[in-house]
Amino acid sequence: MRIDKFLKVSRLVKRRTVAKEMADQGRIKVNDRVVKSSYDVKLGDVIEVGYGTKQIKAKVTDIRDTTKKAEASDLYEIID
């Protein structure tokens, strides 16, 4: 699954177009490497998303095409 779609499905980013723009601006890293929006997410990847001054670091624990809002947090685990 593409990184922009994963971020939208997991609710880490509200809209896929916003996730795509963030990736194209270099604000998304996977395993300490800047990635484009077409990057293919795998289980165990560590994703870093930069929201202005705030950084979120999450490990991918599951990949699904769709989720309900309550189940979205099951797709990742926040890392300090």
PDB file of N, CA and C in Angstrom:
ATOM      1  N   MET A   1       0.848  -1.173   0.000  1.00  0.00           N
ATOM      2  CA  MET A   1       0.000   0.000   0.000  1.00  0.00           C
ATOM      3  C   MET A   1       0.896   1.240   0.000  1.00  0.00           C
ATOM      4  N   ARG A   2       0.504   2.246  -0.761  1.00  0.00           N
ATOM      5  CA  ARG A   2       1.248   3.504  -0.840  1.00  0.00           C
ATOM      6  C   ARG A   2       1.232   4.226   0.507  1.00  0.00           C
ATOM      7  N   ILE A   3       2.309   4.958   0.783  1.00  0.00           N
ATOM      8  CA  ILE A   3       2.422   5.680   2.064  1.00  0.00           C
ATOM      9  C   ILE A   3       1.309   6.703   2.238  1.00  0.00           C
ATOM     10  N   ASP A   4       0.930   7.409   1.171  1.00  0.00           N
ATOM     11  CA  ASP A   4      -0.114   8.423   1.313  1.00  0.00           C
ATOM     12  C   ASP A   4      -1.458   7.784   1.665  1.00  0.00           C
ATOM     13  N   LYS A   5      -1.750   6.629   1.074  1.00  0.00           N
ATOM     14  CA  LYS A   5      -3.005   5.937   1.406  1.00  0.00           C
ATOM     15  C   LYS A   5      -2.956   5.370   2.834  1.00  0.00           C
ATOM     16  N   PHE A   6      -1.811   4.808   3.235  1.00  0.00           N
ATOM     17  CA  PHE A   6      -1.690   4.271   4.587  1.00  0.00           C
ATOM     18  C   PHE A   6      -1.912   5.356   5.636  1.00  0.00           C
ATOM     19  N   LEU A   7      -1.312   6.526   5.430  1.00  0.00           N
ATOM     20  CA  LEU A   7      -1.463   7.619   6.395  1.00  0.00           C
ATOM     21  C   LEU A   7      -2.914   8.053   6.506  1.00  0.00           C
ATOM     22  N   LYS A   8      -3.646   8.017   5.405  1.00  0.00           N
ATOM     23  CA  LYS A   8      -5.064   8.387   5.419  1.00  0.00           C
ATOM     24  C   LYS A   8      -5.898   7.316   6.116  1.00  0.00           C
ATOM     25  N   VAL A   9      -5.677   6.043   5.756  1.00  0.00           N
ATOM     26  CA  VAL A   9      -6.446   4.937   6.342  1.00  0.00           C
ATOM     27  C   VAL A   9      -6.187   4.825   7.842  1.00  0.00           C
ATOM     28  N   SER A  10      -4.934   5.062   8.261  1.00  0.00           N
ATOM     29  CA  SER A  10      -4.585   4.951   9.684  1.00  0.00           C
ATOM     30  C   SER A  10      -4.962   6.198  10.473  1.00  0.00           C
ATOM     31  N   ARG A  11      -5.440   7.231   9.770  1.00  0.00           N
ATOM     32  CA  ARG A  11      -5.870   8.494  10.375  1.00  0.00           C
ATOM     33  C   ARG A  11      -4.716   9.288  10.992  1.00  0.00           C
ATOM     34  N   LEU A  12      -3.471   9.007  10.573  1.00  0.00           N
ATOM     35  CA  LEU A  12      -2.346   9.839  11.003  1.00  0.00           C
ATOM     36  C   LEU A  12      -2.386  11.183  10.284  1.00  0.00           C
ATOM     37  N   VAL A  13      -2.940  11.180   9.061  1.00  0.00           N
ATOM     38  CA  VAL A  13      -3.173  12.397   8.293  1.00  0.00           C
ATOM     39  C   VAL A  13      -4.628  12.351   7.832  1.00  0.00           C
ATOM     40  N   LYS A  14      -5.292  13.494   7.878  1.00  0.00           N
ATOM     41  CA  LYS A  14      -6.735  13.525   7.634  1.00  0.00           C
ATOM     42  C   LYS A  14      -7.130  13.209   6.188  1.00  0.00           C
ATOM     43  N   ARG A  15      -6.348  13.720   5.224  1.00  0.00           N
ATOM     44  CA  ARG A  15      -6.699  13.523   3.815  1.00  0.00           C
ATOM     45  C   ARG A  15      -5.514  12.976   3.037  1.00  0.00           C
ATOM     46  N   ARG A  16      -5.807  12.150   2.036  1.00  0.00           N
ATOM     47  CA  ARG A  16      -4.750  11.552   1.228  1.00  0.00           C
ATOM     48  C   ARG A  16      -3.992  12.611   0.430  1.00  0.00           C
ATOM     49  N   THR A  17      -4.690  13.612  -0.064  1.00  0.00           N
ATOM     50  CA  THR A  17      -4.005  14.658  -0.826  1.00  0.00           C
ATOM     51  C   THR A  17      -3.015  15.419   0.054  1.00  0.00           C
ATOM     52  N   VAL A  18      -3.373  15.626   1.309  1.00  0.00           N
ATOM     53  CA  VAL A  18      -2.461  16.289   2.246  1.00  0.00           C
ATOM     54  C   VAL A  18      -1.248  15.396   2.501  1.00  0.00           C
ATOM     55  N   ALA A  19      -1.471  14.092   2.662  1.00  0.00           N
ATOM     56  CA  ALA A  19      -0.377  13.146   2.879  1.00  0.00           C
ATOM     57  C   ALA A  19       0.558  13.131   1.669  1.00  0.00           C
ATOM     58  N   LYS A  20       0.000  13.189   0.471  1.00  0.00           N
ATOM     59  CA  LYS A  20       0.807  13.208  -0.754  1.00  0.00           C
ATOM     60  C   LYS A  20       1.657  14.471  -0.814  1.00  0.00           C
ATOM     61  N   GLU A  21       1.069  15.597  -0.505  1.00  0.00           N
ATOM     62  CA  GLU A  21       1.815  16.866  -0.509  1.00  0.00           C
ATOM     63  C   GLU A  21       2.938  16.844   0.532  1.00  0.00           C
ATOM     64  N   MET A  22       2.651  16.300   1.721  1.00  0.00           N
ATOM     65  CA  MET A  22       3.670  16.218   2.773  1.00  0.00           C
ATOM     66  C   MET A  22       4.847  15.359   2.318  1.00  0.00           C
ATOM     67  N   ALA A  23       4.547  14.232   1.670  1.00  0.00           N
ATOM     68  CA  ALA A  23       5.607  13.343   1.191  1.00  0.00           C
ATOM     69  C   ALA A  23       6.428  14.030   0.105  1.00  0.00           C
ATOM     70  N   ASP A  24       5.766  14.725  -0.795  1.00  0.00           N
ATOM     71  CA  ASP A  24       6.470  15.413  -1.878  1.00  0.00           C
ATOM     72  C   ASP A  24       7.327  16.566  -1.368  1.00  0.00           C
ATOM     73  N   GLN A  25       6.981  17.117  -0.199  1.00  0.00           N
ATOM     74  CA  GLN A  25       7.770  18.194   0.419  1.00  0.00           C
ATOM     75  C   GLN A  25       8.906  17.646   1.280  1.00  0.00           C
ATOM     76  N   GLY A  26       8.980  16.321   1.430  1.00  0.00           N
ATOM     77  CA  GLY A  26      10.056  15.715   2.214  1.00  0.00           C
ATOM     78  C   GLY A  26       9.798  15.689   3.699  1.00  0.00           C
ATOM     79  N   ARG A  27       8.538  15.788   4.126  1.00  0.00           N
ATOM     80  CA  ARG A  27       8.208  15.807   5.548  1.00  0.00           C
ATOM     81  C   ARG A  27       7.836  14.436   6.095  1.00  0.00           C
ATOM     82  N   ILE A  28       7.972  13.377   5.269  1.00  0.00           N
ATOM     83  CA  ILE A  28       7.679  12.019   5.727  1.00  0.00           C
ATOM     84  C   ILE A  28       8.921  11.156   5.522  1.00  0.00           C
ATOM     85  N   LYS A  29       9.328  10.487   6.617  1.00  0.00           N
ATOM     86  CA  LYS A  29      10.473   9.582   6.565  1.00  0.00           C
ATOM     87  C   LYS A  29      10.008   8.178   6.931  1.00  0.00           C
ATOM     88  N   VAL A  30      10.623   7.194   6.297  1.00  0.00           N
ATOM     89  CA  VAL A  30      10.391   5.795   6.660  1.00  0.00           C
ATOM     90  C   VAL A  30      11.763   5.178   6.898  1.00  0.00           C
ATOM     91  N   ASN A  31      11.954   4.625   8.079  1.00  0.00           N
ATOM     92  CA  ASN A  31      13.236   4.038   8.477  1.00  0.00           C
ATOM     93  C   ASN A  31      14.388   5.027   8.254  1.00  0.00           C
ATOM     94  N   ASP A  32      14.183   6.282   8.675  1.00  0.00           N
ATOM     95  CA  ASP A  32      15.170   7.366   8.605  1.00  0.00           C
ATOM     96  C   ASP A  32      15.551   7.779   7.186  1.00  0.00           C
ATOM     97  N   ARG A  33      14.692   7.479   6.206  1.00  0.00           N
ATOM     98  CA  ARG A  33      14.916   7.930   4.830  1.00  0.00           C
ATOM     99  C   ARG A  33      13.697   8.708   4.360  1.00  0.00           C
ATOM    100  N   VAL A  34      13.922   9.857   3.721  1.00  0.00           N
ATOM    101  CA  VAL A  34      12.819  10.636   3.157  1.00  0.00           C
ATOM    102  C   VAL A  34      12.247   9.843   1.981  1.00  0.00           C
ATOM    103  N   VAL A  35      10.902   9.743   1.938  1.00  0.00           N
ATOM    104  CA  VAL A  35      10.253   8.959   0.881  1.00  0.00           C
ATOM    105  C   VAL A  35       9.252   9.806   0.105  1.00  0.00           C
ATOM    106  N   LYS A  36       8.961   9.363  -1.103  1.00  0.00           N
ATOM    107  CA  LYS A  36       7.933   9.988  -1.935  1.00  0.00           C
ATOM    108  C   LYS A  36       6.585   9.334  -1.606  1.00  0.00           C
ATOM    109  N   SER A  37       5.504   9.900  -2.133  1.00  0.00           N
ATOM    110  CA  SER A  37       4.165   9.409  -1.834  1.00  0.00           C
ATOM    111  C   SER A  37       3.908   8.018  -2.398  1.00  0.00           C
ATOM    112  N   SER A  38       4.716   7.570  -3.347  1.00  0.00           N
ATOM    113  CA  SER A  38       4.505   6.254  -3.956  1.00  0.00           C
ATOM    114  C   SER A  38       5.208   5.127  -3.197  1.00  0.00           C
ATOM    115  N   TYR A  39       5.898   5.439  -2.098  1.00  0.00           N
ATOM    116  CA  TYR A  39       6.605   4.416  -1.323  1.00  0.00           C
ATOM    117  C   TYR A  39       5.635   3.332  -0.862  1.00  0.00           C
ATOM    118  N   ASP A  40       6.054   2.067  -0.970  1.00  0.00           N
ATOM    119  CA  ASP A  40       5.218   0.927  -0.589  1.00  0.00           C
ATOM    120  C   ASP A  40       5.479   0.567   0.877  1.00  0.00           C
ATOM    121  N   VAL A  41       4.479   0.744   1.735  1.00  0.00           N
ATOM    122  CA  VAL A  41       4.601   0.489   3.175  1.00  0.00           C
ATOM    123  C   VAL A  41       4.640  -1.007   3.451  1.00  0.00           C
ATOM    124  N   LYS A  42       5.541  -1.424   4.376  1.00  0.00           N
ATOM    125  CA  LYS A  42       5.643  -2.824   4.778  1.00  0.00           C
ATOM    126  C   LYS A  42       5.479  -2.927   6.292  1.00  0.00           C
ATOM    127  N   LEU A  43       5.114  -4.101   6.769  1.00  0.00           N
ATOM    128  CA  LEU A  43       4.999  -4.321   8.212  1.00  0.00           C
ATOM    129  C   LEU A  43       6.358  -4.086   8.863  1.00  0.00           C
ATOM    130  N   GLY A  44       6.361  -3.416   9.998  1.00  0.00           N
ATOM    131  CA  GLY A  44       7.592  -3.151  10.727  1.00  0.00           C
ATOM    132  C   GLY A  44       8.269  -1.842  10.366  1.00  0.00           C
ATOM    133  N   ASP A  45       7.813  -1.167   9.308  1.00  0.00           N
ATOM    134  CA  ASP A  45       8.382   0.138   8.942  1.00  0.00           C
ATOM    135  C   ASP A  45       8.141   1.149  10.060  1.00  0.00           C
ATOM    136  N   VAL A  46       9.110   2.029  10.281  1.00  0.00           N
ATOM    137  CA  VAL A  46       8.962   3.121  11.246  1.00  0.00           C
ATOM    138  C   VAL A  46       8.764   4.401  10.450  1.00  0.00           C
ATOM    139  N   ILE A  47       7.586   5.013  10.616  1.00  0.00           N
ATOM    140  CA  ILE A  47       7.213   6.205   9.864  1.00  0.00           C
ATOM    141  C   ILE A  47       7.336   7.427  10.764  1.00  0.00           C
ATOM    142  N   GLU A  48       7.981   8.479  10.246  1.00  0.00           N
ATOM    143  CA  GLU A  48       8.067   9.760  10.949  1.00  0.00           C
ATOM    144  C   GLU A  48       7.336  10.798  10.109  1.00  0.00           C
ATOM    145  N   VAL A  49       6.366  11.467  10.722  1.00  0.00           N
ATOM    146  CA  VAL A  49       5.591  12.486  10.022  1.00  0.00           C
ATOM    147  C   VAL A  49       5.834  13.821  10.715  1.00  0.00           C
ATOM    148  N   GLY A  50       6.230  14.832   9.940  1.00  0.00           N
ATOM    149  CA  GLY A  50       6.498  16.151  10.490  1.00  0.00           C
ATOM    150  C   GLY A  50       5.339  17.098  10.262  1.00  0.00           C
ATOM    151  N   TYR A  51       4.709  17.534  11.364  1.00  0.00           N
ATOM    152  CA  TYR A  51       3.620  18.512  11.329  1.00  0.00           C
ATOM    153  C   TYR A  51       4.157  19.840  11.854  1.00  0.00           C
ATOM    154  N   GLY A  52       4.772  20.632  11.037  1.00  0.00           N
ATOM    155  CA  GLY A  52       5.319  21.900  11.513  1.00  0.00           C
ATOM    156  C   GLY A  52       6.375  21.681  12.574  1.00  0.00           C
ATOM    157  N   THR A  53       6.061  22.002  13.830  1.00  0.00           N
ATOM    158  CA  THR A  53       7.025  21.838  14.920  1.00  0.00           C
ATOM    159  C   THR A  53       6.904  20.480  15.606  1.00  0.00           C
ATOM    160  N   LYS A  54       5.863  19.725  15.311  1.00  0.00           N
ATOM    161  CA  LYS A  54       5.600  18.449  15.979  1.00  0.00           C
ATOM    162  C   LYS A  54       5.994  17.272  15.081  1.00  0.00           C
ATOM    163  N   GLN A  55       6.621  16.263  15.654  1.00  0.00           N
ATOM    164  CA  GLN A  55       6.991  15.050  14.939  1.00  0.00           C
ATOM    165  C   GLN A  55       6.258  13.867  15.559  1.00  0.00           C
ATOM    166  N   ILE A  56       5.695  12.997  14.718  1.00  0.00           N
ATOM    167  CA  ILE A  56       5.080  11.763  15.209  1.00  0.00           C
ATOM    168  C   ILE A  56       5.850  10.598  14.608  1.00  0.00           C
ATOM    169  N   LYS A  57       6.206   9.647  15.462  1.00  0.00           N
ATOM    170  CA  LYS A  57       6.952   8.467  15.032  1.00  0.00           C
ATOM    171  C   LYS A  57       6.087   7.249  15.347  1.00  0.00           C
ATOM    172  N   ALA A  58       5.809   6.425  14.330  1.00  0.00           N
ATOM    173  CA  ALA A  58       4.928   5.275  14.517  1.00  0.00           C
ATOM    174  C   ALA A  58       5.466   4.059  13.774  1.00  0.00           C
ATOM    175  N   LYS A  59       5.287   2.891  14.370  1.00  0.00           N
ATOM    176  CA  LYS A  59       5.692   1.633  13.746  1.00  0.00           C
ATOM    177  C   LYS A  59       4.461   0.963  13.153  1.00  0.00           C
ATOM    178  N   VAL A  60       4.565   0.510  11.913  1.00  0.00           N
ATOM    179  CA  VAL A  60       3.448  -0.139  11.214  1.00  0.00           C
ATOM    180  C   VAL A  60       3.263  -1.540  11.785  1.00  0.00           C
ATOM    181  N   THR A  61       2.060  -1.822  12.303  1.00  0.00           N
ATOM    182  CA  THR A  61       1.779  -3.147  12.869  1.00  0.00           C
ATOM    183  C   THR A  61       0.778  -3.944  12.046  1.00  0.00           C
ATOM    184  N   ASP A  62       0.044  -3.263  11.160  1.00  0.00           N
ATOM    185  CA  ASP A  62      -0.951  -3.941  10.327  1.00  0.00           C
ATOM    186  C   ASP A  62      -1.217  -3.073   9.103  1.00  0.00           C
ATOM    187  N   ILE A  63      -1.605  -3.709   8.003  1.00  0.00           N
ATOM    188  CA  ILE A  63      -1.934  -2.978   6.781  1.00  0.00           C
ATOM    189  C   ILE A  63      -3.299  -3.460   6.305  1.00  0.00           C
ATOM    190  N   ARG A  64      -4.243  -2.532   6.187  1.00  0.00           N
ATOM    191  CA  ARG A  64      -5.595  -2.843   5.694  1.00  0.00           C
ATOM    192  C   ARG A  64      -6.013  -1.768   4.702  1.00  0.00           C
ATOM    193  N   ASP A  65      -6.855  -2.149   3.741  1.00  0.00           N
ATOM    194  CA  ASP A  65      -7.330  -1.178   2.742  1.00  0.00           C
ATOM    195  C   ASP A  65      -8.310  -0.185   3.341  1.00  0.00           C
ATOM    196  N   THR A  66      -9.133  -0.629   4.277  1.00  0.00           N
ATOM    197  CA  THR A  66     -10.097   0.255   4.924  1.00  0.00           C
ATOM    198  C   THR A  66     -10.185  -0.100   6.408  1.00  0.00           C
ATOM    199  N   THR A  67     -10.539   0.886   7.218  1.00  0.00           N
ATOM    200  CA  THR A  67     -10.758   0.651   8.649  1.00  0.00           C
ATOM    201  C   THR A  67     -11.848   1.572   9.150  1.00  0.00           C
ATOM    202  N   LYS A  68     -12.437   1.154  10.249  1.00  0.00           N
ATOM    203  CA  LYS A  68     -13.368   2.040  10.945  1.00  0.00           C
ATOM    204  C   LYS A  68     -12.536   2.968  11.825  1.00  0.00           C
ATOM    205  N   LYS A  69     -13.106   4.083  12.201  1.00  0.00           N
ATOM    206  CA  LYS A  69     -12.381   5.079  12.995  1.00  0.00           C
ATOM    207  C   LYS A  69     -11.827   4.472  14.286  1.00  0.00           C
ATOM    208  N   ALA A  70     -12.605   3.635  14.952  1.00  0.00           N
ATOM    209  CA  ALA A  70     -12.188   3.039  16.223  1.00  0.00           C
ATOM    210  C   ALA A  70     -11.032   2.051  16.051  1.00  0.00           C
ATOM    211  N   GLU A  71     -10.908   1.452  14.859  1.00  0.00           N
ATOM    212  CA  GLU A  71      -9.872   0.444  14.626  1.00  0.00           C
ATOM    213  C   GLU A  71      -8.618   1.026  13.977  1.00  0.00           C
ATOM    214  N   ALA A  72      -8.629   2.302  13.613  1.00  0.00           N
ATOM    215  CA  ALA A  72      -7.509   2.911  12.886  1.00  0.00           C
ATOM    216  C   ALA A  72      -6.211   2.859  13.677  1.00  0.00           C
ATOM    217  N   SER A  73      -6.280   3.018  14.983  1.00  0.00           N
ATOM    218  CA  SER A  73      -5.057   3.017  15.793  1.00  0.00           C
ATOM    219  C   SER A  73      -4.436   1.626  15.923  1.00  0.00           C
ATOM    220  N   ASP A  74      -5.140   0.577  15.483  1.00  0.00           N
ATOM    221  CA  ASP A  74      -4.575  -0.773  15.496  1.00  0.00           C
ATOM    222  C   ASP A  74      -3.535  -0.971  14.399  1.00  0.00           C
ATOM    223  N   LEU A  75      -3.477  -0.067  13.433  1.00  0.00           N
ATOM    224  CA  LEU A  75      -2.557  -0.193  12.298  1.00  0.00           C
ATOM    225  C   LEU A  75      -1.141   0.248  12.633  1.00  0.00           C
ATOM    226  N   TYR A  76      -0.964   0.963  13.742  1.00  0.00           N
ATOM    227  CA  TYR A  76       0.358   1.469  14.097  1.00  0.00           C
ATOM    228  C   TYR A  76       0.522   1.519  15.611  1.00  0.00           C
ATOM    229  N   GLU A  77       1.788   1.690  16.010  1.00  0.00           N
ATOM    230  CA  GLU A  77       2.124   1.811  17.432  1.00  0.00           C
ATOM    231  C   GLU A  77       3.031   3.041  17.562  1.00  0.00           C
ATOM    232  N   ILE A  78       2.630   3.999  18.376  1.00  0.00           N
ATOM    233  CA  ILE A  78       3.403   5.230  18.562  1.00  0.00           C
ATOM    234  C   ILE A  78       4.699   4.922  19.311  1.00  0.00           C
ATOM    235  N   ILE A  79       5.805   5.491  18.809  1.00  0.00           N
ATOM    236  CA  ILE A  79       7.116   5.317  19.426  1.00  0.00           C
ATOM    237  C   ILE A  79       7.559   6.662  19.982  1.00  0.00           C
ATOM    238  N   ASP A  80       8.133   6.656  21.172  1.00  0.00           N
ATOM    239  CA  ASP A  80       8.620   7.908  21.776  1.00  0.00           C
ATOM    240  C   ASP A  80       9.927   8.339  21.196  1.00  0.00           C
TER     241      ASP A  80
END
